[in-house]
Amino acid sequence: MTPDEARKVLLARCEALAADETANADSRAAVALKQVNVVRPSRTYAVQHRAMAQAQDRRYALWESCVAAALARLDPGEWGWCVRCREALA
């Protein structure tokens, strides 16, 4: 894979992450349920669902930072080297 191909793949991944993040925006909203109309298991489910959505947001943020770091390494010519051991990638 060439650096230009890698850049295209990384930019596509970044766009996909942004699309997923906006598609799931309503899942992160605060849980506002009336206790009169809602039984306890439903409220528990809603709170758990919100917690899972927030965890997914943290994963998206991590992936976005990884993609941004990879894109930053493409520019100065650091493409093709392992970040951990600095060995050339095969």
PDB file of N, CA and C in Angstrom:
ATOM      1  N   MET A   1       0.854  -1.165   0.000  1.00  0.00           N
ATOM      2  CA  MET A   1       0.000   0.000   0.000  1.00  0.00           C
ATOM      3  C   MET A   1       0.906   1.236   0.000  1.00  0.00           C
ATOM      4  N   THR A   2       0.578   2.161  -0.832  1.00  0.00           N
ATOM      5  CA  THR A   2       1.340   3.406  -0.908  1.00  0.00           C
ATOM      6  C   THR A   2       0.817   4.407   0.122  1.00  0.00           C
ATOM      7  N   PRO A   3       1.592   5.436   0.413  1.00  0.00           N
ATOM      8  CA  PRO A   3       1.108   6.450   1.356  1.00  0.00           C
ATOM      9  C   PRO A   3      -0.185   7.122   0.891  1.00  0.00           C
ATOM     10  N   ASP A   4      -0.343   7.333  -0.408  1.00  0.00           N
ATOM     11  CA  ASP A   4      -1.579   7.945  -0.906  1.00  0.00           C
ATOM     12  C   ASP A   4      -2.777   7.030  -0.712  1.00  0.00           C
ATOM     13  N   GLU A   5      -2.588   5.737  -0.944  1.00  0.00           N
ATOM     14  CA  GLU A   5      -3.671   4.775  -0.710  1.00  0.00           C
ATOM     15  C   GLU A   5      -4.017   4.713   0.779  1.00  0.00           C
ATOM     16  N   ALA A   6      -2.992   4.738   1.617  1.00  0.00           N
ATOM     17  CA  ALA A   6      -3.222   4.711   3.062  1.00  0.00           C
ATOM     18  C   ALA A   6      -3.980   5.957   3.495  1.00  0.00           C
ATOM     19  N   ARG A   7      -3.626   7.107   2.935  1.00  0.00           N
ATOM     20  CA  ARG A   7      -4.317   8.348   3.282  1.00  0.00           C
ATOM     21  C   ARG A   7      -5.796   8.250   2.915  1.00  0.00           C
ATOM     22  N   LYS A   8      -6.106   7.694   1.746  1.00  0.00           N
ATOM     23  CA  LYS A   8      -7.501   7.538   1.325  1.00  0.00           C
ATOM     24  C   LYS A   8      -8.259   6.624   2.278  1.00  0.00           C
ATOM     25  N   VAL A   9      -7.625   5.524   2.672  1.00  0.00           N
ATOM     26  CA  VAL A   9      -8.267   4.580   3.592  1.00  0.00           C
ATOM     27  C   VAL A   9      -8.510   5.238   4.945  1.00  0.00           C
ATOM     28  N   LEU A  10      -7.514   5.968   5.445  1.00  0.00           N
ATOM     29  CA  LEU A  10      -7.655   6.621   6.746  1.00  0.00           C
ATOM     30  C   LEU A  10      -8.719   7.715   6.711  1.00  0.00           C
ATOM     31  N   LEU A  11      -8.766   8.486   5.634  1.00  0.00           N
ATOM     32  CA  LEU A  11      -9.794   9.526   5.523  1.00  0.00           C
ATOM     33  C   LEU A  11     -11.189   8.918   5.414  1.00  0.00           C
ATOM     34  N   ALA A  12     -11.312   7.792   4.711  1.00  0.00           N
ATOM     35  CA  ALA A  12     -12.601   7.100   4.619  1.00  0.00           C
ATOM     36  C   ALA A  12     -13.019   6.584   5.992  1.00  0.00           C
ATOM     37  N   ARG A  13     -12.058   6.067   6.756  1.00  0.00           N
ATOM     38  CA  ARG A  13     -12.352   5.566   8.105  1.00  0.00           C
ATOM     39  C   ARG A  13     -12.805   6.721   9.004  1.00  0.00           C
ATOM     40  N   CYS A  14     -12.154   7.869   8.859  1.00  0.00           N
ATOM     41  CA  CYS A  14     -12.512   9.038   9.654  1.00  0.00           C
ATOM     42  C   CYS A  14     -13.942   9.489   9.327  1.00  0.00           C
ATOM     43  N   GLU A  15     -14.296   9.485   8.052  1.00  0.00           N
ATOM     44  CA  GLU A  15     -15.654   9.858   7.645  1.00  0.00           C
ATOM     45  C   GLU A  15     -16.679   8.860   8.178  1.00  0.00           C
ATOM     46  N   ALA A  16     -16.346   7.566   8.140  1.00  0.00           N
ATOM     47  CA  ALA A  16     -17.258   6.538   8.649  1.00  0.00           C
ATOM     48  C   ALA A  16     -17.469   6.698  10.155  1.00  0.00           C
ATOM     49  N   LEU A  17     -16.398   7.008  10.887  1.00  0.00           N
ATOM     50  CA  LEU A  17     -16.531   7.232  12.328  1.00  0.00           C
ATOM     51  C   LEU A  17     -17.416   8.435  12.615  1.00  0.00           C
ATOM     52  N   ALA A  18     -17.240   9.498  11.848  1.00  0.00           N
ATOM     53  CA  ALA A  18     -18.065  10.694  12.048  1.00  0.00           C
ATOM     54  C   ALA A  18     -19.531  10.401  11.748  1.00  0.00           C
ATOM     55  N   ALA A  19     -19.783   9.616  10.698  1.00  0.00           N
ATOM     56  CA  ALA A  19     -21.162   9.264  10.352  1.00  0.00           C
ATOM     57  C   ALA A  19     -21.795   8.402  11.440  1.00  0.00           C
ATOM     58  N   ASP A  20     -21.046   7.432  11.958  1.00  0.00           N
ATOM     59  CA  ASP A  20     -21.565   6.587  13.041  1.00  0.00           C
ATOM     60  C   ASP A  20     -21.849   7.411  14.289  1.00  0.00           C
ATOM     61  N   GLU A  21     -20.957   8.348  14.565  1.00  0.00           N
ATOM     62  CA  GLU A  21     -21.118   9.167  15.766  1.00  0.00           C
ATOM     63  C   GLU A  21     -22.377  10.037  15.680  1.00  0.00           C
ATOM     64  N   THR A  22     -22.641  10.628  14.518  1.00  0.00           N
ATOM     65  CA  THR A  22     -23.837  11.455  14.385  1.00  0.00           C
ATOM     66  C   THR A  22     -25.098  10.602  14.336  1.00  0.00           C
ATOM     67  N   ALA A  23     -24.999   9.401  13.795  1.00  0.00           N
ATOM     68  CA  ALA A  23     -26.171   8.522  13.728  1.00  0.00           C
ATOM     69  C   ALA A  23     -26.606   8.068  15.109  1.00  0.00           C
ATOM     70  N   ASN A  24     -25.658   7.946  16.027  1.00  0.00           N
ATOM     71  CA  ASN A  24     -25.965   7.456  17.370  1.00  0.00           C
ATOM     72  C   ASN A  24     -26.079   8.578  18.399  1.00  0.00           C
ATOM     73  N   ALA A  25     -26.219   9.803  17.948  1.00  0.00           N
ATOM     74  CA  ALA A  25     -26.254  10.941  18.862  1.00  0.00           C
ATOM     75  C   ALA A  25     -27.429  10.883  19.825  1.00  0.00           C
ATOM     76  N   ASP A  26     -28.571  10.381  19.380  1.00  0.00           N
ATOM     77  CA  ASP A  26     -29.746  10.345  20.255  1.00  0.00           C
ATOM     78  C   ASP A  26     -29.599   9.341  21.397  1.00  0.00           C
ATOM     79  N   SER A  27     -28.724   8.372  21.251  1.00  0.00           N
ATOM     80  CA  SER A  27     -28.524   7.378  22.313  1.00  0.00           C
ATOM     81  C   SER A  27     -27.822   7.959  23.530  1.00  0.00           C
ATOM     82  N   ARG A  28     -27.121   9.087  23.342  1.00  0.00           N
ATOM     83  CA  ARG A  28     -26.370   9.684  24.439  1.00  0.00           C
ATOM     84  C   ARG A  28     -27.193  10.676  25.250  1.00  0.00           C
ATOM     85  N   ALA A  29     -28.399  10.909  24.846  1.00  0.00           N
ATOM     86  CA  ALA A  29     -29.236  11.891  25.531  1.00  0.00           C
ATOM     87  C   ALA A  29     -29.527  11.433  26.963  1.00  0.00           C
ATOM     88  N   ALA A  30     -29.779  12.391  27.808  1.00  0.00           N
ATOM     89  CA  ALA A  30     -30.091  12.078  29.202  1.00  0.00           C
ATOM     90  C   ALA A  30     -31.388  11.278  29.284  1.00  0.00           C
ATOM     91  N   VAL A  31     -31.422  10.377  30.219  1.00  0.00           N
ATOM     92  CA  VAL A  31     -32.605   9.548  30.411  1.00  0.00           C
ATOM     93  C   VAL A  31     -33.586  10.304  31.287  1.00  0.00           C
ATOM     94  N   ALA A  32     -34.731  10.637  30.733  1.00  0.00           N
ATOM     95  CA  ALA A  32     -35.766  11.355  31.483  1.00  0.00           C
ATOM     96  C   ALA A  32     -37.058  10.564  31.382  1.00  0.00           C
ATOM     97  N   LEU A  33     -37.309   9.780  32.369  1.00  0.00           N
ATOM     98  CA  LEU A  33     -38.503   8.938  32.373  1.00  0.00           C
ATOM     99  C   LEU A  33     -39.385   9.303  33.563  1.00  0.00           C
ATOM    100  N   LYS A  34     -40.675   9.255  33.359  1.00  0.00           N
ATOM    101  CA  LYS A  34     -41.615   9.496  34.461  1.00  0.00           C
ATOM    102  C   LYS A  34     -41.801   8.190  35.206  1.00  0.00           C
ATOM    103  N   GLN A  35     -41.558   8.221  36.474  1.00  0.00           N
ATOM    104  CA  GLN A  35     -41.685   7.013  37.279  1.00  0.00           C
ATOM    105  C   GLN A  35     -43.105   6.465  37.305  1.00  0.00           C
ATOM    106  N   VAL A  36     -44.088   7.293  37.102  1.00  0.00           N
ATOM    107  CA  VAL A  36     -45.473   6.838  37.150  1.00  0.00           C
ATOM    108  C   VAL A  36     -45.763   5.904  35.977  1.00  0.00           C
ATOM    109  N   ASN A  37     -45.232   6.242  34.814  1.00  0.00           N
ATOM    110  CA  ASN A  37     -45.545   5.490  33.600  1.00  0.00           C
ATOM    111  C   ASN A  37     -44.549   4.384  33.273  1.00  0.00           C
ATOM    112  N   VAL A  38     -43.421   4.385  33.924  1.00  0.00           N
ATOM    113  CA  VAL A  38     -42.361   3.459  33.555  1.00  0.00           C
ATOM    114  C   VAL A  38     -42.044   2.535  34.723  1.00  0.00           C
ATOM    115  N   VAL A  39     -41.972   1.264  34.431  1.00  0.00           N
ATOM    116  CA  VAL A  39     -41.603   0.306  35.467  1.00  0.00           C
ATOM    117  C   VAL A  39     -40.086   0.304  35.631  1.00  0.00           C
ATOM    118  N   ARG A  40     -39.637  -0.154  36.752  1.00  0.00           N
ATOM    119  CA  ARG A  40     -38.212  -0.107  37.078  1.00  0.00           C
ATOM    120  C   ARG A  40     -37.313  -0.792  36.044  1.00  0.00           C
ATOM    121  N   PRO A  41     -37.616  -1.986  35.530  1.00  0.00           N
ATOM    122  CA  PRO A  41     -36.724  -2.601  34.535  1.00  0.00           C
ATOM    123  C   PRO A  41     -36.535  -1.735  33.278  1.00  0.00           C
ATOM    124  N   SER A  42     -37.569  -1.019  32.870  1.00  0.00           N
ATOM    125  CA  SER A  42     -37.432  -0.165  31.695  1.00  0.00           C
ATOM    126  C   SER A  42     -36.466   0.972  31.959  1.00  0.00           C
ATOM    127  N   ARG A  43     -36.534   1.540  33.126  1.00  0.00           N
ATOM    128  CA  ARG A  43     -35.622   2.617  33.493  1.00  0.00           C
ATOM    129  C   ARG A  43     -34.192   2.094  33.562  1.00  0.00           C
ATOM    130  N   THR A  44     -34.023   0.935  34.153  1.00  0.00           N
ATOM    131  CA  THR A  44     -32.696   0.330  34.240  1.00  0.00           C
ATOM    132  C   THR A  44     -32.140   0.081  32.848  1.00  0.00           C
ATOM    133  N   TYR A  45     -32.984  -0.429  31.957  1.00  0.00           N
ATOM    134  CA  TYR A  45     -32.554  -0.676  30.584  1.00  0.00           C
ATOM    135  C   TYR A  45     -32.129   0.633  29.920  1.00  0.00           C
ATOM    136  N   ALA A  46     -32.894   1.701  30.124  1.00  0.00           N
ATOM    137  CA  ALA A  46     -32.570   2.990  29.508  1.00  0.00           C
ATOM    138  C   ALA A  46     -31.242   3.533  30.024  1.00  0.00           C
ATOM    139  N   VAL A  47     -30.999   3.401  31.312  1.00  0.00           N
ATOM    140  CA  VAL A  47     -29.746   3.872  31.900  1.00  0.00           C
ATOM    141  C   VAL A  47     -28.570   3.045  31.370  1.00  0.00           C
ATOM    142  N   GLN A  48     -28.739   1.740  31.267  1.00  0.00           N
ATOM    143  CA  GLN A  48     -27.686   0.887  30.734  1.00  0.00           C
ATOM    144  C   GLN A  48     -27.413   1.207  29.271  1.00  0.00           C
ATOM    145  N   HIS A  49     -28.465   1.452  28.512  1.00  0.00           N
ATOM    146  CA  HIS A  49     -28.323   1.792  27.098  1.00  0.00           C
ATOM    147  C   HIS A  49     -27.527   3.087  26.935  1.00  0.00           C
ATOM    148  N   ARG A  50     -27.808   4.060  27.781  1.00  0.00           N
ATOM    149  CA  ARG A  50     -27.079   5.331  27.733  1.00  0.00           C
ATOM    150  C   ARG A  50     -25.615   5.118  28.090  1.00  0.00           C
ATOM    151  N   ALA A  51     -25.344   4.297  29.093  1.00  0.00           N
ATOM    152  CA  ALA A  51     -23.965   4.018  29.498  1.00  0.00           C
ATOM    153  C   ALA A  51     -23.187   3.331  28.369  1.00  0.00           C
ATOM    154  N   MET A  52     -23.840   2.412  27.670  1.00  0.00           N
ATOM    155  CA  MET A  52     -23.192   1.747  26.543  1.00  0.00           C
ATOM    156  C   MET A  52     -22.912   2.729  25.413  1.00  0.00           C
ATOM    157  N   ALA A  53     -23.827   3.658  25.166  1.00  0.00           N
ATOM    158  CA  ALA A  53     -23.618   4.665  24.130  1.00  0.00           C
ATOM    159  C   ALA A  53     -22.457   5.582  24.494  1.00  0.00           C
ATOM    160  N   GLN A  54     -22.329   5.927  25.763  1.00  0.00           N
ATOM    161  CA  GLN A  54     -21.219   6.767  26.195  1.00  0.00           C
ATOM    162  C   GLN A  54     -19.888   6.029  26.069  1.00  0.00           C
ATOM    163  N   ALA A  55     -19.893   4.737  26.358  1.00  0.00           N
ATOM    164  CA  ALA A  55     -18.676   3.941  26.181  1.00  0.00           C
ATOM    165  C   ALA A  55     -18.302   3.869  24.700  1.00  0.00           C
ATOM    166  N   GLN A  56     -19.313   3.747  23.846  1.00  0.00           N
ATOM    167  CA  GLN A  56     -19.061   3.740  22.403  1.00  0.00           C
ATOM    168  C   GLN A  56     -18.460   5.077  21.963  1.00  0.00           C
ATOM    169  N   ASP A  57     -18.909   6.168  22.544  1.00  0.00           N
ATOM    170  CA  ASP A  57     -18.336   7.483  22.235  1.00  0.00           C
ATOM    171  C   ASP A  57     -16.857   7.543  22.593  1.00  0.00           C
ATOM    172  N   ARG A  58     -16.515   6.953  23.731  1.00  0.00           N
ATOM    173  CA  ARG A  58     -15.099   6.940  24.119  1.00  0.00           C
ATOM    174  C   ARG A  58     -14.278   6.126  23.135  1.00  0.00           C
ATOM    175  N   ARG A  59     -14.844   5.011  22.645  1.00  0.00           N
ATOM    176  CA  ARG A  59     -14.134   4.209  21.645  1.00  0.00           C
ATOM    177  C   ARG A  59     -13.977   4.986  20.342  1.00  0.00           C
ATOM    178  N   TYR A  60     -15.032   5.712  19.926  1.00  0.00           N
ATOM    179  CA  TYR A  60     -14.943   6.543  18.724  1.00  0.00           C
ATOM    180  C   TYR A  60     -13.847   7.588  18.874  1.00  0.00           C
ATOM    181  N   ALA A  61     -13.780   8.222  20.028  1.00  0.00           N
ATOM    182  CA  ALA A  61     -12.758   9.248  20.259  1.00  0.00           C
ATOM    183  C   ALA A  61     -11.360   8.644  20.181  1.00  0.00           C
ATOM    184  N   LEU A  62     -11.189   7.445  20.720  1.00  0.00           N
ATOM    185  CA  LEU A  62      -9.899   6.769  20.653  1.00  0.00           C
ATOM    186  C   LEU A  62      -9.526   6.464  19.206  1.00  0.00           C
ATOM    187  N   TRP A  63     -10.492   5.909  18.460  1.00  0.00           N
ATOM    188  CA  TRP A  63     -10.230   5.603  17.041  1.00  0.00           C
ATOM    189  C   TRP A  63      -9.915   6.862  16.254  1.00  0.00           C
ATOM    190  N   GLU A  64     -10.644   7.941  16.519  1.00  0.00           N
ATOM    191  CA  GLU A  64     -10.391   9.192  15.806  1.00  0.00           C
ATOM    192  C   GLU A  64      -8.994   9.716  16.099  1.00  0.00           C
ATOM    193  N   SER A  65      -8.543   9.600  17.340  1.00  0.00           N
ATOM    194  CA  SER A  65      -7.194  10.060  17.663  1.00  0.00           C
ATOM    195  C   SER A  65      -6.138   9.171  17.009  1.00  0.00           C
ATOM    196  N   CYS A  66      -6.411   7.869  16.923  1.00  0.00           N
ATOM    197  CA  CYS A  66      -5.480   6.961  16.243  1.00  0.00           C
ATOM    198  C   CYS A  66      -5.387   7.283  14.757  1.00  0.00           C
ATOM    199  N   VAL A  67      -6.521   7.540  14.129  1.00  0.00           N
ATOM    200  CA  VAL A  67      -6.533   7.880  12.702  1.00  0.00           C
ATOM    201  C   VAL A  67      -5.818   9.207  12.482  1.00  0.00           C
ATOM    202  N   ALA A  68      -6.068  10.183  13.343  1.00  0.00           N
ATOM    203  CA  ALA A  68      -5.403  11.484  13.215  1.00  0.00           C
ATOM    204  C   ALA A  68      -3.888  11.334  13.368  1.00  0.00           C
ATOM    205  N   ALA A  69      -3.455  10.510  14.303  1.00  0.00           N
ATOM    206  CA  ALA A  69      -2.022  10.281  14.497  1.00  0.00           C
ATOM    207  C   ALA A  69      -1.416   9.589  13.280  1.00  0.00           C
ATOM    208  N   ALA A  70      -2.141   8.638  12.713  1.00  0.00           N
ATOM    209  CA  ALA A  70      -1.643   7.949  11.517  1.00  0.00           C
ATOM    210  C   ALA A  70      -1.530   8.916  10.341  1.00  0.00           C
ATOM    211  N   LEU A  71      -2.530   9.775  10.192  1.00  0.00           N
ATOM    212  CA  LEU A  71      -2.461  10.782   9.125  1.00  0.00           C
ATOM    213  C   LEU A  71      -1.292  11.736   9.350  1.00  0.00           C
ATOM    214  N   ALA A  72      -1.043  12.097  10.593  1.00  0.00           N
ATOM    215  CA  ALA A  72       0.072  12.994  10.899  1.00  0.00           C
ATOM    216  C   ALA A  72       1.418  12.340  10.584  1.00  0.00           C
ATOM    217  N   ARG A  73       1.501  11.023  10.761  1.00  0.00           N
ATOM    218  CA  ARG A  73       2.756  10.331  10.450  1.00  0.00           C
ATOM    219  C   ARG A  73       2.989  10.218   8.950  1.00  0.00           C
ATOM    220  N   LEU A  74       1.935  10.283   8.149  1.00  0.00           N
ATOM    221  CA  LEU A  74       2.103  10.206   6.702  1.00  0.00           C
ATOM    222  C   LEU A  74       2.818  11.439   6.160  1.00  0.00           C
ATOM    223  N   ASP A  75       2.526  12.599   6.708  1.00  0.00           N
ATOM    224  CA  ASP A  75       3.072  13.844   6.179  1.00  0.00           C
ATOM    225  C   ASP A  75       4.593  13.961   6.281  1.00  0.00           C
ATOM    226  N   PRO A  76       5.201  13.733   7.449  1.00  0.00           N
ATOM    227  CA  PRO A  76       6.653  13.929   7.524  1.00  0.00           C
ATOM    228  C   PRO A  76       7.476  12.752   6.984  1.00  0.00           C
ATOM    229  N   GLY A  77       6.835  11.779   6.364  1.00  0.00           N
ATOM    230  CA  GLY A  77       7.577  10.656   5.791  1.00  0.00           C
ATOM    231  C   GLY A  77       7.846   9.531   6.762  1.00  0.00           C
ATOM    232  N   GLU A  78       7.093   9.421   7.800  1.00  0.00           N
ATOM    233  CA  GLU A  78       7.264   8.331   8.760  1.00  0.00           C
ATOM    234  C   GLU A  78       6.445   7.110   8.380  1.00  0.00           C
ATOM    235  N   TRP A  79       5.938   7.075   7.172  1.00  0.00           N
ATOM    236  CA  TRP A  79       5.129   5.958   6.693  1.00  0.00           C
ATOM    237  C   TRP A  79       5.996   4.717   6.553  1.00  0.00           C
ATOM    238  N   GLY A  80       5.490   3.590   7.019  1.00  0.00           N
ATOM    239  CA  GLY A  80       6.172   2.311   6.831  1.00  0.00           C
ATOM    240  C   GLY A  80       7.041   1.886   7.998  1.00  0.00           C
ATOM    241  N   TRP A  81       6.932   2.592   9.128  1.00  0.00           N
ATOM    242  CA  TRP A  81       7.728   2.242  10.293  1.00  0.00           C
ATOM    243  C   TRP A  81       6.806   1.928  11.469  1.00  0.00           C
ATOM    244  N   CYS A  82       7.166   0.920  12.243  1.00  0.00           N
ATOM    245  CA  CYS A  82       6.397   0.553  13.426  1.00  0.00           C
ATOM    246  C   CYS A  82       6.562   1.648  14.476  1.00  0.00           C
ATOM    247  N   VAL A  83       5.457   2.044  15.094  1.00  0.00           N
ATOM    248  CA  VAL A  83       5.493   3.090  16.104  1.00  0.00           C
ATOM    249  C   VAL A  83       6.172   2.597  17.377  1.00  0.00           C
ATOM    250  N   ARG A  84       6.000   1.336  17.696  1.00  0.00           N
ATOM    251  CA  ARG A  84       6.542   0.805  18.948  1.00  0.00           C
ATOM    252  C   ARG A  84       8.032   0.488  18.854  1.00  0.00           C
ATOM    253  N   CYS A  85       8.422  -0.286  17.828  1.00  0.00           N
ATOM    254  CA  CYS A  85       9.803  -0.773  17.780  1.00  0.00           C
ATOM    255  C   CYS A  85      10.658  -0.056  16.728  1.00  0.00           C
ATOM    256  N   ARG A  86      10.065   0.810  15.918  1.00  0.00           N
ATOM    257  CA  ARG A  86      10.749   1.576  14.877  1.00  0.00           C
ATOM    258  C   ARG A  86      11.371   0.695  13.791  1.00  0.00           C
ATOM    259  N   GLU A  87      10.858  -0.521  13.625  1.00  0.00           N
ATOM    260  CA  GLU A  87      11.298  -1.424  12.558  1.00  0.00           C
ATOM    261  C   GLU A  87      10.489  -1.112  11.297  1.00  0.00           C
ATOM    262  N   ALA A  88      11.068  -1.391  10.157  1.00  0.00           N
ATOM    263  CA  ALA A  88      10.350  -1.198   8.896  1.00  0.00           C
ATOM    264  C   ALA A  88       9.234  -2.236   8.775  1.00  0.00           C
ATOM    265  N   LEU A  89       8.080  -1.784   8.292  1.00  0.00           N
ATOM    266  CA  LEU A  89       6.956  -2.699   8.098  1.00  0.00           C
ATOM    267  C   LEU A  89       7.138  -3.453   6.796  1.00  0.00           C
ATOM    268  N   ALA A  90       6.778  -4.712   6.815  1.00  0.00           N
ATOM    269  CA  ALA A  90       6.917  -5.530   5.605  1.00  0.00           C
ATOM    270  C   ALA A  90       5.686  -5.406   4.735  1.00  0.00           C
TER     271      ALA A  90
END
